[in-house]
Amino acid sequence: MNREQPPQLEAAANMALNQLTDGELAAFNNFLGWESGDARKMCEDKPWFPKVEALFTEDGGKKIHSVVRDVIDKAVIKRLAEKGA
C-alpha cells in the first residue's frame, strides 16, 4: 500500500503546480525554504495557497512530503529552462 503513496503524491503535486503561474511557483518554492519554521503558516495568507494546501502532509501539515519537494524542484527547473533562464 505505501508503495502507491509516492506516485499519488507526485500526481497531486503536478496537478497543483500546473495551476500556479510562474510567479506563484517561484513564491511557493521560496516559502518552502523555511525548513526550520512552518512553511504553511508563512504562505497560507497568499491568494494561491488553496492551490497547494493539500500538498502539506508531513508534520501535521507544516511541511511538504519529500516526494512532493522533488516534484516542485523539477517543476521550477523545467520552467526556468523553458524561459531560457
Protein backbone atom coordinates (compact mmCIF):
# COMPACT_ATOMS: atom_id res chain seq x y z
CA MET A 1 0.00 0.00 0.00
CA ASN A 2 2.65 2.51 0.99
CA ARG A 3 4.44 1.96 -2.29
CA GLU A 4 1.49 3.59 -4.05
CA GLN A 5 1.63 6.73 -1.95
CA PRO A 6 4.57 8.45 -3.72
CA PRO A 7 3.03 8.20 -7.23
CA GLN A 8 -0.27 9.56 -5.86
CA LEU A 9 1.56 12.39 -4.14
CA GLU A 10 3.55 13.07 -7.29
CA ALA A 11 0.38 13.22 -9.40
CA ALA A 12 -1.31 15.53 -6.89
CA ALA A 13 1.74 17.76 -6.78
CA ASN A 14 1.96 18.02 -10.56
CA MET A 15 -1.73 18.86 -10.77
CA ALA A 16 -1.39 21.58 -8.13
CA LEU A 17 1.78 23.04 -9.65
CA ASN A 18 0.20 23.20 -13.12
CA GLN A 19 -2.38 25.60 -11.67
CA LEU A 20 0.29 28.01 -10.47
CA THR A 21 1.66 30.85 -12.53
CA ASP A 22 5.44 31.16 -12.82
CA GLY A 23 5.46 33.83 -10.12
CA GLU A 24 3.29 31.74 -7.79
CA LEU A 25 5.50 28.70 -8.29
CA ALA A 26 8.61 30.74 -7.52
CA ALA A 27 6.99 32.24 -4.41
CA PHE A 28 5.78 28.84 -3.21
CA ASN A 29 9.24 27.36 -3.70
CA ASN A 30 10.77 30.24 -1.73
CA PHE A 31 8.42 29.69 1.21
CA LEU A 32 9.39 26.02 1.27
CA GLY A 33 12.93 27.08 2.08
CA TRP A 34 11.80 27.79 5.64
CA GLU A 35 12.81 24.31 6.81
CA SER A 36 13.13 25.31 10.47
CA GLY A 37 9.82 27.15 10.51
CA ASP A 38 6.29 26.49 9.44
CA ALA A 39 6.17 26.91 5.67
CA ARG A 40 2.39 26.57 5.71
CA LYS A 41 1.99 29.48 8.11
CA MET A 42 4.35 31.57 6.00
CA CYS A 43 2.27 31.23 2.84
CA GLU A 44 -1.28 30.44 3.95
CA ASP A 45 -2.40 34.06 3.56
CA LYS A 46 -1.34 34.15 -0.10
CA PRO A 47 -4.10 34.04 -2.75
CA TRP A 48 -2.54 30.98 -4.42
CA PHE A 49 -2.32 28.94 -1.20
CA PRO A 50 -5.58 26.98 -1.78
CA LYS A 51 -3.99 25.53 -4.93
CA VAL A 52 -1.21 23.93 -2.91
CA GLU A 53 -2.76 23.42 0.54
CA ALA A 54 -3.32 19.69 0.00
CA LEU A 55 0.42 19.17 -0.50
CA PHE A 56 1.21 19.95 3.13
CA THR A 57 1.19 16.45 4.58
CA GLU A 58 4.18 15.96 6.85
CA ASP A 59 4.47 17.07 10.47
CA GLY A 60 0.83 17.92 10.96
CA GLY A 61 0.65 19.91 7.75
CA LYS A 62 3.61 22.20 8.40
CA LYS A 63 5.95 20.72 5.83
CA ILE A 64 5.83 19.21 2.38
CA HIS A 65 6.42 15.50 1.77
CA SER A 66 9.88 14.83 0.31
CA VAL A 67 8.36 13.27 -2.82
CA VAL A 68 6.41 16.45 -3.42
CA ARG A 69 9.53 18.55 -2.84
CA ASP A 70 11.28 16.63 -5.62
CA VAL A 71 8.36 17.32 -7.96
CA ILE A 72 8.45 21.03 -7.07
CA ASP A 73 12.20 21.21 -7.66
CA LYS A 74 11.79 19.58 -11.08
CA ALA A 75 8.91 21.92 -11.97
CA VAL A 76 10.94 25.01 -11.05
CA ILE A 77 13.95 23.79 -13.06
CA LYS A 78 11.74 22.90 -16.03
CA ARG A 79 10.04 26.31 -16.09
CA LEU A 80 13.37 28.12 -15.85
CA ALA A 81 14.68 26.05 -18.75
CA GLU A 82 11.58 26.84 -20.82
CA LYS A 83 12.12 30.55 -20.19
CA GLY A 84 15.76 30.25 -21.23
CA ALA A 85 16.94 31.44 -17.81
